[in-house]
Amino acid sequence: MKKLTILLSLANLISISFATVAQDTASNATLLADDYKKRSAVYDYSEATLNNTDTIADFEAKAEKLKISGTIYHSDGITPAKDVILYIFQPDDKGNYEMKKDANRKRYVHHRAWIKTDADGKYTFYTFMPGKLLRTKELKQIHRIIKEPGKPEQELAPFFFNDDPLFPELTLACQAEAVRSMLRIDEKDGMYIATKDIRLDATDAVEF
């Protein structure tokens, strides 16, 4: 468990650096300019209307294409959750976080995407397999922030991957914890496919 805690702490440090904590103001069009640079990147989508499918930058150019899909449910695990925003960001296929600046000079991770669920609660991301830096002990991962209507944004454990060569080195307890957000990868028509449902709880969001 200690090793997984360290891994998740590293993920948290990265996401804090690139997606800082913000006020619950997703629909507020009168945000002050200072707030824009400080708020979480979950609010920084450029589309006027989000939908339940998004494609990450450079998807077409990457060799190891990846489709992640699933359904976001309310706490009963049965009722689909509508109008939930899920934001992801990740390193490139070499394990580097490619940073850019927008027109307002706010730094952001280039490889990122957003979805907003409709009445069926379903979501789909088209992305690519993230890499990891050589000589590091960090699992491959895709970072996530979720935003429910009327609630502050919440950072989720990253997506991990069942084929990660470092996974067997974790203790059994750490493996059991990591499996909760782990993607089980299949391959179909030249693309990697993964499905992961999310259940919204009173205090957390969990996968199943």
N, C-alpha and C. Protein backbone atom coordinates (compact mmCIF):
# COMPACT_ATOMS: atom_id res chain seq x y z
N MET A 1 0.82 -1.21 0.00
CA MET A 1 0.00 0.00 0.00
C MET A 1 0.86 1.26 0.00
N LYS A 2 2.01 1.18 0.70
CA LYS A 2 2.88 2.35 0.78
C LYS A 2 3.37 2.74 -0.60
N LYS A 3 3.73 1.73 -1.42
CA LYS A 3 4.25 2.04 -2.75
C LYS A 3 3.18 2.69 -3.61
N LEU A 4 1.93 2.17 -3.55
CA LEU A 4 0.87 2.76 -4.34
C LEU A 4 0.58 4.17 -3.85
N THR A 5 0.64 4.38 -2.54
CA THR A 5 0.41 5.72 -2.00
C THR A 5 1.43 6.70 -2.56
N ILE A 6 2.69 6.25 -2.68
CA ILE A 6 3.72 7.10 -3.25
C ILE A 6 3.41 7.41 -4.71
N LEU A 7 2.98 6.38 -5.46
CA LEU A 7 2.64 6.58 -6.86
C LEU A 7 1.51 7.58 -7.02
N LEU A 8 0.48 7.41 -6.20
CA LEU A 8 -0.67 8.31 -6.30
C LEU A 8 -0.28 9.72 -5.85
N SER A 9 0.63 9.81 -4.89
CA SER A 9 1.09 11.12 -4.46
C SER A 9 1.82 11.83 -5.59
N LEU A 10 2.63 11.07 -6.34
CA LEU A 10 3.30 11.66 -7.49
C LEU A 10 2.30 12.14 -8.52
N ALA A 11 1.26 11.31 -8.75
CA ALA A 11 0.22 11.72 -9.69
C ALA A 11 -0.47 12.98 -9.21
N ASN A 12 -0.72 13.04 -7.90
CA ASN A 12 -1.37 14.22 -7.33
C ASN A 12 -0.51 15.47 -7.50
N LEU A 13 0.81 15.33 -7.29
CA LEU A 13 1.69 16.47 -7.44
C LEU A 13 1.69 16.98 -8.87
N ILE A 14 1.68 16.05 -9.83
CA ILE A 14 1.64 16.45 -11.24
C ILE A 14 0.35 17.19 -11.54
N SER A 15 -0.78 16.61 -11.10
CA SER A 15 -2.04 17.24 -11.43
C SER A 15 -2.24 18.55 -10.70
N ILE A 16 -1.66 18.68 -9.51
CA ILE A 16 -1.73 19.96 -8.81
C ILE A 16 -0.94 21.01 -9.58
N SER A 17 0.19 20.60 -10.16
CA SER A 17 1.01 21.54 -10.92
C SER A 17 0.31 22.00 -12.19
N PHE A 18 -0.41 21.05 -12.85
CA PHE A 18 -0.98 21.37 -14.14
C PHE A 18 -2.46 21.70 -14.09
N ALA A 19 -3.13 21.40 -12.98
CA ALA A 19 -4.58 21.61 -12.89
C ALA A 19 -4.92 22.03 -11.47
N THR A 20 -4.67 23.27 -11.12
CA THR A 20 -4.77 23.72 -9.75
C THR A 20 -6.20 23.77 -9.26
N VAL A 21 -6.34 23.70 -7.92
CA VAL A 21 -7.67 23.65 -7.32
C VAL A 21 -8.41 24.94 -7.57
N ALA A 22 -9.74 24.82 -7.83
CA ALA A 22 -10.52 26.01 -8.19
C ALA A 22 -11.83 26.06 -7.45
N GLN A 23 -12.51 27.19 -7.59
CA GLN A 23 -13.84 27.34 -7.03
C GLN A 23 -14.83 26.59 -7.90
N ASP A 24 -15.99 26.30 -7.34
CA ASP A 24 -17.03 25.57 -8.06
C ASP A 24 -17.82 26.55 -8.92
N THR A 25 -17.20 26.94 -10.07
CA THR A 25 -17.80 27.99 -10.89
C THR A 25 -17.82 27.61 -12.36
N ALA A 26 -18.18 26.38 -12.67
CA ALA A 26 -18.12 25.90 -14.04
C ALA A 26 -19.01 26.69 -14.97
N SER A 27 -20.17 27.13 -14.51
CA SER A 27 -21.12 27.80 -15.38
C SER A 27 -21.08 29.31 -15.21
N ASN A 28 -20.14 29.83 -14.43
CA ASN A 28 -20.07 31.26 -14.15
C ASN A 28 -19.25 31.95 -15.23
N ALA A 29 -19.88 32.80 -16.03
CA ALA A 29 -19.20 33.45 -17.14
C ALA A 29 -18.51 34.73 -16.72
N THR A 30 -18.59 35.09 -15.45
CA THR A 30 -18.03 36.37 -15.00
C THR A 30 -16.80 36.16 -14.11
N LEU A 31 -16.08 35.06 -14.34
CA LEU A 31 -14.87 34.81 -13.56
C LEU A 31 -13.86 35.94 -13.75
N LEU A 32 -13.22 36.35 -12.67
CA LEU A 32 -12.18 37.35 -12.77
C LEU A 32 -10.98 36.79 -13.53
N ALA A 33 -10.21 37.66 -14.18
CA ALA A 33 -9.06 37.21 -14.95
C ALA A 33 -8.06 36.46 -14.07
N ASP A 34 -7.88 36.93 -12.83
CA ASP A 34 -6.94 36.26 -11.93
C ASP A 34 -7.38 34.84 -11.62
N ASP A 35 -8.70 34.63 -11.51
CA ASP A 35 -9.22 33.30 -11.22
C ASP A 35 -8.93 32.33 -12.36
N TYR A 36 -8.92 32.82 -13.58
CA TYR A 36 -8.73 31.96 -14.74
C TYR A 36 -7.42 31.18 -14.65
N LYS A 37 -6.35 31.83 -14.26
CA LYS A 37 -5.06 31.15 -14.20
C LYS A 37 -4.94 30.21 -13.02
N LYS A 38 -5.75 30.42 -11.99
CA LYS A 38 -5.66 29.60 -10.78
C LYS A 38 -6.63 28.42 -10.77
N ARG A 39 -7.69 28.55 -11.53
CA ARG A 39 -8.74 27.54 -11.43
C ARG A 39 -8.29 26.21 -12.05
N SER A 40 -9.01 25.16 -11.70
CA SER A 40 -8.72 23.83 -12.23
C SER A 40 -8.94 23.79 -13.74
N ALA A 41 -8.11 23.02 -14.42
CA ALA A 41 -8.23 22.88 -15.88
C ALA A 41 -9.52 22.19 -16.30
N VAL A 42 -10.24 21.58 -15.38
CA VAL A 42 -11.51 20.95 -15.74
C VAL A 42 -12.47 21.97 -16.32
N TYR A 43 -12.29 23.26 -16.01
CA TYR A 43 -13.18 24.31 -16.50
C TYR A 43 -12.69 24.97 -17.78
N ASP A 44 -11.55 24.55 -18.29
CA ASP A 44 -10.92 25.30 -19.38
C ASP A 44 -11.24 24.77 -20.78
N TYR A 45 -12.32 24.06 -20.93
CA TYR A 45 -12.69 23.56 -22.26
C TYR A 45 -13.09 24.74 -23.14
N SER A 46 -12.78 24.63 -24.44
CA SER A 46 -13.05 25.71 -25.36
C SER A 46 -14.38 25.56 -26.10
N GLU A 47 -14.91 24.34 -26.11
CA GLU A 47 -16.15 24.11 -26.83
C GLU A 47 -17.32 24.80 -26.12
N ALA A 48 -18.21 25.39 -26.90
CA ALA A 48 -19.39 26.03 -26.32
C ALA A 48 -20.28 25.00 -25.65
N THR A 49 -20.37 23.83 -26.25
CA THR A 49 -21.19 22.76 -25.70
C THR A 49 -20.40 21.46 -25.74
N LEU A 50 -20.11 20.90 -24.58
CA LEU A 50 -19.42 19.61 -24.53
C LEU A 50 -20.39 18.50 -24.87
N ASN A 51 -19.87 17.39 -25.39
CA ASN A 51 -20.68 16.20 -25.57
C ASN A 51 -19.97 15.02 -24.91
N ASN A 52 -20.51 13.82 -25.09
CA ASN A 52 -19.98 12.68 -24.34
C ASN A 52 -18.83 11.96 -25.04
N THR A 53 -18.28 12.57 -26.10
CA THR A 53 -17.14 12.00 -26.80
C THR A 53 -16.12 13.09 -27.08
N ASP A 54 -14.84 12.80 -26.85
CA ASP A 54 -13.80 13.77 -27.20
C ASP A 54 -12.55 13.02 -27.64
N THR A 55 -11.73 13.71 -28.44
CA THR A 55 -10.50 13.14 -28.98
C THR A 55 -9.32 13.98 -28.52
N ILE A 56 -8.32 13.34 -27.99
CA ILE A 56 -7.15 14.04 -27.46
C ILE A 56 -6.25 14.50 -28.61
N ALA A 57 -5.49 15.56 -28.39
CA ALA A 57 -4.60 16.08 -29.43
C ALA A 57 -3.61 15.00 -29.88
N ASP A 58 -3.33 14.99 -31.17
CA ASP A 58 -2.35 14.08 -31.80
C ASP A 58 -2.83 12.63 -31.88
N PHE A 59 -4.09 12.39 -31.63
CA PHE A 59 -4.60 11.01 -31.67
C PHE A 59 -4.29 10.33 -33.00
N GLU A 60 -4.57 11.00 -34.10
CA GLU A 60 -4.40 10.37 -35.42
C GLU A 60 -2.95 10.04 -35.72
N ALA A 61 -2.02 10.81 -35.16
CA ALA A 61 -0.60 10.60 -35.46
C ALA A 61 0.05 9.50 -34.63
N LYS A 62 -0.60 9.05 -33.59
CA LYS A 62 0.02 8.09 -32.68
C LYS A 62 -0.22 6.65 -33.14
N ALA A 63 0.79 5.82 -32.93
CA ALA A 63 0.71 4.43 -33.37
C ALA A 63 -0.21 3.59 -32.48
N GLU A 64 -0.12 3.80 -31.16
CA GLU A 64 -0.89 2.99 -30.22
C GLU A 64 -2.17 3.73 -29.79
N LYS A 65 -3.13 3.73 -30.69
CA LYS A 65 -4.39 4.43 -30.43
C LYS A 65 -5.19 3.68 -29.36
N LEU A 66 -5.92 4.46 -28.57
CA LEU A 66 -6.65 3.89 -27.42
C LEU A 66 -8.03 4.52 -27.32
N LYS A 67 -9.04 3.69 -27.19
CA LYS A 67 -10.42 4.14 -26.97
C LYS A 67 -10.84 3.72 -25.56
N ILE A 68 -11.19 4.70 -24.74
CA ILE A 68 -11.67 4.45 -23.38
C ILE A 68 -13.13 4.86 -23.31
N SER A 69 -13.98 3.96 -22.88
CA SER A 69 -15.40 4.29 -22.79
C SER A 69 -16.01 3.65 -21.55
N GLY A 70 -17.18 4.11 -21.19
CA GLY A 70 -17.87 3.57 -20.03
C GLY A 70 -19.12 4.37 -19.73
N THR A 71 -19.69 4.11 -18.56
CA THR A 71 -20.88 4.81 -18.11
C THR A 71 -20.64 5.35 -16.71
N ILE A 72 -21.06 6.58 -16.48
CA ILE A 72 -20.99 7.18 -15.15
C ILE A 72 -22.37 7.07 -14.52
N TYR A 73 -22.43 6.44 -13.34
CA TYR A 73 -23.70 6.20 -12.65
C TYR A 73 -23.78 7.02 -11.36
N HIS A 74 -25.01 7.22 -10.91
CA HIS A 74 -25.22 7.77 -9.58
C HIS A 74 -24.84 6.72 -8.54
N SER A 75 -24.99 7.06 -7.26
CA SER A 75 -24.48 6.20 -6.19
C SER A 75 -25.15 4.84 -6.13
N ASP A 76 -26.34 4.70 -6.74
CA ASP A 76 -27.00 3.39 -6.73
C ASP A 76 -26.35 2.40 -7.69
N GLY A 77 -25.46 2.91 -8.55
CA GLY A 77 -24.80 2.03 -9.52
C GLY A 77 -25.71 1.59 -10.66
N ILE A 78 -26.89 2.18 -10.74
CA ILE A 78 -27.87 1.79 -11.76
C ILE A 78 -28.30 2.98 -12.62
N THR A 79 -28.55 4.11 -11.98
CA THR A 79 -29.07 5.29 -12.67
C THR A 79 -27.94 6.07 -13.34
N PRO A 80 -28.00 6.25 -14.66
CA PRO A 80 -26.95 7.03 -15.34
C PRO A 80 -26.92 8.47 -14.82
N ALA A 81 -25.72 9.02 -14.71
CA ALA A 81 -25.53 10.39 -14.22
C ALA A 81 -25.39 11.35 -15.40
N LYS A 82 -26.27 12.34 -15.45
CA LYS A 82 -26.29 13.32 -16.54
C LYS A 82 -25.48 14.56 -16.17
N ASP A 83 -24.91 15.20 -17.19
CA ASP A 83 -24.22 16.49 -17.06
C ASP A 83 -22.98 16.42 -16.16
N VAL A 84 -22.32 15.28 -16.14
CA VAL A 84 -21.06 15.13 -15.41
C VAL A 84 -19.91 15.39 -16.38
N ILE A 85 -19.00 16.26 -15.98
CA ILE A 85 -17.82 16.54 -16.81
C ILE A 85 -16.66 15.67 -16.31
N LEU A 86 -16.00 15.00 -17.23
CA LEU A 86 -14.81 14.22 -16.93
C LEU A 86 -13.67 14.75 -17.78
N TYR A 87 -12.61 15.16 -17.13
CA TYR A 87 -11.44 15.75 -17.79
C TYR A 87 -10.25 14.81 -17.61
N ILE A 88 -9.52 14.58 -18.69
CA ILE A 88 -8.32 13.75 -18.60
C ILE A 88 -7.13 14.51 -19.18
N PHE A 89 -5.92 14.21 -18.68
CA PHE A 89 -4.69 14.70 -19.30
C PHE A 89 -3.61 13.66 -19.05
N GLN A 90 -2.59 13.66 -19.89
CA GLN A 90 -1.63 12.56 -19.86
C GLN A 90 -0.30 12.96 -20.47
N PRO A 91 0.76 12.18 -20.18
CA PRO A 91 2.02 12.36 -20.89
C PRO A 91 1.91 11.84 -22.32
N ASP A 92 2.88 12.20 -23.15
CA ASP A 92 2.88 11.67 -24.51
C ASP A 92 3.39 10.23 -24.51
N ASP A 93 3.60 9.68 -25.68
CA ASP A 93 3.99 8.28 -25.76
C ASP A 93 5.43 8.02 -25.31
N LYS A 94 6.17 9.07 -25.01
CA LYS A 94 7.52 8.94 -24.47
C LYS A 94 7.57 9.25 -22.97
N GLY A 95 6.42 9.55 -22.40
CA GLY A 95 6.36 9.82 -20.97
C GLY A 95 6.54 11.27 -20.59
N ASN A 96 6.59 12.16 -21.57
CA ASN A 96 6.78 13.60 -21.29
C ASN A 96 5.44 14.33 -21.28
N TYR A 97 5.30 15.27 -20.35
CA TYR A 97 4.11 16.13 -20.33
C TYR A 97 4.42 17.36 -21.20
N GLU A 98 3.83 17.39 -22.39
CA GLU A 98 4.08 18.50 -23.30
C GLU A 98 3.25 19.71 -22.85
N MET A 99 3.94 20.78 -22.48
CA MET A 99 3.26 21.96 -21.95
C MET A 99 3.14 23.05 -23.01
N LYS A 100 2.01 23.74 -22.98
CA LYS A 100 1.76 24.86 -23.88
C LYS A 100 1.15 26.01 -23.08
N LYS A 101 1.02 27.16 -23.74
CA LYS A 101 0.34 28.30 -23.14
C LYS A 101 -0.78 28.75 -24.06
N ASP A 102 -1.93 29.10 -23.47
CA ASP A 102 -3.05 29.57 -24.27
C ASP A 102 -2.93 31.07 -24.52
N ALA A 103 -3.95 31.67 -25.12
CA ALA A 103 -3.92 33.09 -25.47
C ALA A 103 -3.78 33.99 -24.25
N ASN A 104 -4.20 33.49 -23.09
CA ASN A 104 -4.08 34.25 -21.85
C ASN A 104 -2.84 33.86 -21.04
N ARG A 105 -1.94 33.10 -21.69
CA ARG A 105 -0.66 32.69 -21.10
C ARG A 105 -0.82 31.78 -19.88
N LYS A 106 -1.89 31.01 -19.88
CA LYS A 106 -2.06 29.98 -18.86
C LYS A 106 -1.44 28.69 -19.38
N ARG A 107 -0.58 28.08 -18.57
CA ARG A 107 0.06 26.83 -18.96
C ARG A 107 -0.92 25.66 -18.87
N TYR A 108 -0.82 24.75 -19.81
CA TYR A 108 -1.67 23.57 -19.78
C TYR A 108 -0.97 22.39 -20.44
N VAL A 109 -1.43 21.21 -20.12
CA VAL A 109 -0.91 19.99 -20.74
C VAL A 109 -1.57 19.83 -22.10
N HIS A 110 -0.74 19.68 -23.12
CA HIS A 110 -1.26 19.62 -24.50
C HIS A 110 -2.20 18.44 -24.72
N HIS A 111 -1.86 17.30 -24.15
CA HIS A 111 -2.67 16.09 -24.39
C HIS A 111 -3.75 15.98 -23.32
N ARG A 112 -4.92 16.54 -23.62
CA ARG A 112 -6.02 16.61 -22.67
C ARG A 112 -7.35 16.57 -23.43
N ALA A 113 -8.42 16.27 -22.71
CA ALA A 113 -9.74 16.18 -23.34
C ALA A 113 -10.81 16.25 -22.26
N TRP A 114 -12.03 16.60 -22.68
CA TRP A 114 -13.18 16.71 -21.78
C TRP A 114 -14.38 16.01 -22.39
N ILE A 115 -15.20 15.41 -21.55
CA ILE A 115 -16.53 14.97 -21.98
C ILE A 115 -17.56 15.48 -20.98
N LYS A 116 -18.81 15.53 -21.42
CA LYS A 116 -19.94 15.83 -20.54
C LYS A 116 -21.02 14.81 -20.86
N THR A 117 -21.44 14.07 -19.86
CA THR A 117 -22.41 13.01 -20.11
C THR A 117 -23.79 13.58 -20.44
N ASP A 118 -24.52 12.84 -21.25
CA ASP A 118 -25.93 13.17 -21.48
C ASP A 118 -26.78 12.22 -20.64
N ALA A 119 -28.03 12.05 -21.01
CA ALA A 119 -28.95 11.30 -20.16
C ALA A 119 -28.54 9.85 -19.95
N ASP A 120 -27.77 9.28 -20.87
CA ASP A 120 -27.38 7.87 -20.73
C ASP A 120 -26.12 7.68 -19.89
N GLY A 121 -25.48 8.77 -19.49
CA GLY A 121 -24.31 8.69 -18.63
C GLY A 121 -23.04 8.17 -19.31
N LYS A 122 -23.09 7.93 -20.60
CA LYS A 122 -21.95 7.30 -21.27
C LYS A 122 -20.88 8.33 -21.65
N TYR A 123 -19.63 7.84 -21.74
CA TYR A 123 -18.53 8.69 -22.17
C TYR A 123 -17.57 7.88 -23.03
N THR A 124 -16.84 8.59 -23.91
CA THR A 124 -15.81 7.96 -24.74
C THR A 124 -14.68 8.95 -24.97
N PHE A 125 -13.46 8.48 -24.75
CA PHE A 125 -12.26 9.25 -25.10
C PHE A 125 -11.49 8.48 -26.17
N TYR A 126 -11.05 9.19 -27.21
CA TYR A 126 -10.11 8.65 -28.17
C TYR A 126 -8.75 9.27 -27.88
N THR A 127 -7.81 8.45 -27.47
CA THR A 127 -6.50 8.95 -27.07
C THR A 127 -5.43 7.97 -27.54
N PHE A 128 -4.32 7.88 -26.83
CA PHE A 128 -3.25 6.96 -27.18
C PHE A 128 -2.60 6.47 -25.90
N MET A 129 -1.86 5.39 -26.00
CA MET A 129 -1.21 4.83 -24.83
C MET A 129 -0.14 5.78 -24.33
N PRO A 130 -0.23 6.19 -23.06
CA PRO A 130 0.81 7.07 -22.53
C PRO A 130 2.11 6.30 -22.29
N GLY A 131 3.23 7.01 -22.42
CA GLY A 131 4.51 6.39 -22.11
C GLY A 131 4.93 6.70 -20.69
N LYS A 132 6.08 6.22 -20.32
CA LYS A 132 6.66 6.54 -19.02
C LYS A 132 8.14 6.83 -19.22
N LEU A 133 8.65 7.72 -18.39
CA LEU A 133 10.06 8.07 -18.50
C LEU A 133 10.93 6.88 -18.11
N LEU A 134 12.03 6.71 -18.82
CA LEU A 134 12.96 5.62 -18.51
C LEU A 134 13.53 5.80 -17.12
N ARG A 135 13.82 4.68 -16.48
CA ARG A 135 14.45 4.64 -15.17
C ARG A 135 13.58 5.25 -14.06
N THR A 136 12.28 5.31 -14.29
CA THR A 136 11.39 5.75 -13.22
C THR A 136 10.54 4.57 -12.77
N LYS A 137 10.05 4.64 -11.56
CA LYS A 137 9.24 3.57 -10.99
C LYS A 137 7.75 3.95 -10.97
N GLU A 138 7.36 4.84 -11.86
CA GLU A 138 5.98 5.29 -11.89
C GLU A 138 5.19 4.50 -12.92
N LEU A 139 4.01 4.05 -12.56
CA LEU A 139 3.16 3.34 -13.49
C LEU A 139 2.71 4.26 -14.62
N LYS A 140 2.46 3.68 -15.78
CA LYS A 140 1.83 4.44 -16.86
C LYS A 140 0.45 4.89 -16.37
N GLN A 141 0.05 6.11 -16.73
CA GLN A 141 -1.22 6.60 -16.19
C GLN A 141 -1.82 7.72 -17.01
N ILE A 142 -3.12 7.86 -16.88
CA ILE A 142 -3.88 8.99 -17.43
C ILE A 142 -4.60 9.64 -16.26
N HIS A 143 -4.37 10.93 -16.06
CA HIS A 143 -4.92 11.64 -14.91
C HIS A 143 -6.37 12.06 -15.18
N ARG A 144 -7.14 12.17 -14.08
CA ARG A 144 -8.57 12.46 -14.25
C ARG A 144 -9.07 13.44 -13.18
N ILE A 145 -9.96 14.32 -13.61
CA ILE A 145 -10.71 15.20 -12.69
C ILE A 145 -12.18 15.11 -13.11
N ILE A 146 -13.05 14.98 -12.13
CA ILE A 146 -14.48 14.85 -12.42
C ILE A 146 -15.23 16.01 -11.78
N LYS A 147 -16.28 16.46 -12.44
CA LYS A 147 -17.09 17.58 -11.94
C LYS A 147 -18.56 17.23 -12.07
N GLU A 148 -19.22 17.02 -10.93
CA GLU A 148 -20.66 16.78 -10.90
C GLU A 148 -21.40 18.11 -10.81
N PRO A 149 -22.62 18.17 -11.32
CA PRO A 149 -23.40 19.41 -11.19
C PRO A 149 -23.61 19.77 -9.73
N GLY A 150 -23.34 21.04 -9.40
CA GLY A 150 -23.58 21.52 -8.04
C GLY A 150 -22.55 21.12 -7.02
N LYS A 151 -21.45 20.48 -7.46
CA LYS A 151 -20.41 20.05 -6.52
C LYS A 151 -19.04 20.53 -7.02
N PRO A 152 -18.08 20.68 -6.10
CA PRO A 152 -16.73 21.05 -6.53
C PRO A 152 -16.11 19.94 -7.37
N GLU A 153 -15.12 20.30 -8.16
CA GLU A 153 -14.38 19.29 -8.92
C GLU A 153 -13.65 18.36 -7.97
N GLN A 154 -13.41 17.15 -8.43
CA GLN A 154 -12.77 16.13 -7.59
C GLN A 154 -11.73 15.38 -8.41
N GLU A 155 -10.55 15.26 -7.87
CA GLU A 155 -9.50 14.51 -8.53
C GLU A 155 -9.67 13.03 -8.25
N LEU A 156 -9.68 12.22 -9.30
CA LEU A 156 -9.80 10.77 -9.17
C LEU A 156 -8.42 10.14 -9.28
N ALA A 157 -8.31 8.92 -8.80
CA ALA A 157 -7.08 8.17 -9.04
C ALA A 157 -6.88 8.03 -10.54
N PRO A 158 -5.66 8.07 -11.03
CA PRO A 158 -5.43 7.96 -12.47
C PRO A 158 -5.90 6.61 -13.01
N PHE A 159 -6.16 6.58 -14.31
CA PHE A 159 -6.28 5.29 -14.99
C PHE A 159 -4.90 4.65 -15.03
N PHE A 160 -4.80 3.41 -14.55
CA PHE A 160 -3.60 2.61 -14.72
C PHE A 160 -3.89 1.54 -15.78
N PHE A 161 -2.90 0.70 -16.09
CA PHE A 161 -3.04 -0.26 -17.18
C PHE A 161 -2.62 -1.65 -16.70
N ASN A 162 -3.43 -2.65 -17.06
CA ASN A 162 -3.18 -4.00 -16.57
C ASN A 162 -1.94 -4.64 -17.18
N ASP A 163 -1.44 -4.09 -18.30
CA ASP A 163 -0.24 -4.66 -18.92
C ASP A 163 1.03 -3.92 -18.50
N ASP A 164 0.93 -3.06 -17.50
CA ASP A 164 2.11 -2.30 -17.07
C ASP A 164 3.13 -3.26 -16.46
N PRO A 165 4.37 -3.26 -16.95
CA PRO A 165 5.37 -4.21 -16.43
C PRO A 165 5.74 -3.97 -14.97
N LEU A 166 5.46 -2.78 -14.44
CA LEU A 166 5.77 -2.50 -13.04
C LEU A 166 4.68 -3.00 -12.09
N PHE A 167 3.52 -3.33 -12.62
CA PHE A 167 2.41 -3.72 -11.76
C PHE A 167 2.73 -4.94 -10.89
N PRO A 168 3.36 -5.99 -11.44
CA PRO A 168 3.67 -7.16 -10.59
C PRO A 168 4.61 -6.86 -9.43
N GLU A 169 5.34 -5.74 -9.50
CA GLU A 169 6.26 -5.40 -8.41
C GLU A 169 5.54 -4.82 -7.20
N LEU A 170 4.27 -4.44 -7.36
CA LEU A 170 3.51 -3.91 -6.23
C LEU A 170 3.15 -5.02 -5.26
N THR A 171 2.94 -4.67 -4.02
CA THR A 171 2.44 -5.65 -3.06
C THR A 171 1.02 -6.04 -3.45
N LEU A 172 0.54 -7.14 -2.92
CA LEU A 172 -0.83 -7.58 -3.23
C LEU A 172 -1.85 -6.53 -2.80
N ALA A 173 -1.61 -5.88 -1.66
CA ALA A 173 -2.54 -4.86 -1.19
C ALA A 173 -2.56 -3.67 -2.15
N CYS A 174 -1.38 -3.27 -2.62
CA CYS A 174 -1.30 -2.15 -3.57
C CYS A 174 -1.94 -2.52 -4.90
N GLN A 175 -1.73 -3.75 -5.33
CA GLN A 175 -2.36 -4.20 -6.58
C GLN A 175 -3.88 -4.14 -6.48
N ALA A 176 -4.40 -4.58 -5.33
CA ALA A 176 -5.85 -4.57 -5.14
C ALA A 176 -6.40 -3.15 -5.20
N GLU A 177 -5.65 -2.21 -4.66
CA GLU A 177 -6.08 -0.80 -4.69
C GLU A 177 -5.99 -0.23 -6.10
N ALA A 178 -4.92 -0.53 -6.81
CA ALA A 178 -4.71 -0.01 -8.15
C ALA A 178 -5.74 -0.55 -9.14
N VAL A 179 -6.18 -1.78 -8.91
CA VAL A 179 -7.14 -2.42 -9.83
C VAL A 179 -8.43 -1.62 -9.93
N ARG A 180 -8.76 -0.87 -8.87
CA ARG A 180 -10.02 -0.11 -8.87
C ARG A 180 -10.11 0.86 -10.05
N SER A 181 -8.97 1.43 -10.45
CA SER A 181 -8.99 2.37 -11.57
C SER A 181 -8.17 1.86 -12.76
N MET A 182 -7.98 0.55 -12.80
CA MET A 182 -7.15 -0.04 -13.84
C MET A 182 -7.95 -0.33 -15.10
N LEU A 183 -7.36 -0.03 -16.24
CA LEU A 183 -7.96 -0.34 -17.53
C LEU A 183 -7.45 -1.70 -18.01
N ARG A 184 -8.37 -2.55 -18.37
CA ARG A 184 -8.00 -3.85 -18.94
C ARG A 184 -8.07 -3.71 -20.45
N ILE A 185 -6.92 -3.86 -21.09
CA ILE A 185 -6.77 -3.51 -22.49
C ILE A 185 -7.03 -4.70 -23.40
N ASP A 186 -7.88 -4.50 -24.40
CA ASP A 186 -8.06 -5.44 -25.50
C ASP A 186 -7.66 -4.73 -26.78
N GLU A 187 -7.54 -5.47 -27.85
CA GLU A 187 -7.19 -4.88 -29.14
C GLU A 187 -8.21 -5.30 -30.19
N LYS A 188 -8.68 -4.32 -30.96
CA LYS A 188 -9.68 -4.60 -31.99
C LYS A 188 -9.46 -3.64 -33.16
N ASP A 189 -9.31 -4.22 -34.35
CA ASP A 189 -9.14 -3.42 -35.58
C ASP A 189 -8.01 -2.41 -35.46
N GLY A 190 -6.90 -2.83 -34.87
CA GLY A 190 -5.74 -1.97 -34.79
C GLY A 190 -5.80 -0.90 -33.73
N MET A 191 -6.76 -0.98 -32.82
CA MET A 191 -6.90 0.01 -31.76
C MET A 191 -7.04 -0.69 -30.42
N TYR A 192 -6.41 -0.15 -29.39
CA TYR A 192 -6.60 -0.67 -28.04
C TYR A 192 -7.95 -0.17 -27.51
N ILE A 193 -8.64 -1.06 -26.80
CA ILE A 193 -9.99 -0.77 -26.30
C ILE A 193 -10.03 -1.05 -24.80
N ALA A 194 -10.64 -0.14 -24.05
CA ALA A 194 -10.81 -0.33 -22.61
C ALA A 194 -12.15 0.23 -22.18
N THR A 195 -12.79 -0.44 -21.23
CA THR A 195 -14.07 0.00 -20.69
C THR A 195 -13.96 0.14 -19.18
N LYS A 196 -14.43 1.26 -18.65
CA LYS A 196 -14.40 1.47 -17.20
C LYS A 196 -15.60 2.33 -16.80
N ASP A 197 -16.48 1.73 -15.99
CA ASP A 197 -17.63 2.46 -15.46
C ASP A 197 -17.25 3.15 -14.15
N ILE A 198 -17.95 4.24 -13.85
CA ILE A 198 -17.67 5.03 -12.65
C ILE A 198 -18.97 5.22 -11.88
N ARG A 199 -18.93 4.96 -10.59
CA ARG A 199 -20.10 5.20 -9.73
C ARG A 199 -19.83 6.40 -8.83
N LEU A 200 -20.72 7.38 -8.88
CA LEU A 200 -20.59 8.56 -8.04
C LEU A 200 -21.13 8.25 -6.66
N ASP A 201 -20.33 8.55 -5.65
CA ASP A 201 -20.75 8.32 -4.26
C ASP A 201 -20.93 9.66 -3.57
N ALA A 202 -21.38 9.60 -2.32
CA ALA A 202 -21.62 10.83 -1.58
C ALA A 202 -20.31 11.61 -1.38
N THR A 203 -19.21 10.90 -1.19
CA THR A 203 -17.94 11.56 -0.90
C THR A 203 -16.85 11.23 -1.89
N ASP A 204 -17.10 10.33 -2.82
CA ASP A 204 -16.03 9.88 -3.69
C ASP A 204 -16.65 9.37 -4.99
N ALA A 205 -15.82 9.03 -5.93
CA ALA A 205 -16.25 8.36 -7.15
C ALA A 205 -15.43 7.09 -7.27
N VAL A 206 -16.08 5.97 -7.50
CA VAL A 206 -15.37 4.69 -7.54
C VAL A 206 -15.67 3.97 -8.84
N GLU A 207 -14.71 3.15 -9.28
CA GLU A 207 -14.90 2.35 -10.49
C GLU A 207 -15.41 0.97 -10.13
N PHE A 208 -16.10 0.39 -11.10
CA PHE A 208 -16.56 -0.99 -10.90
C PHE A 208 -16.77 -1.64 -12.25
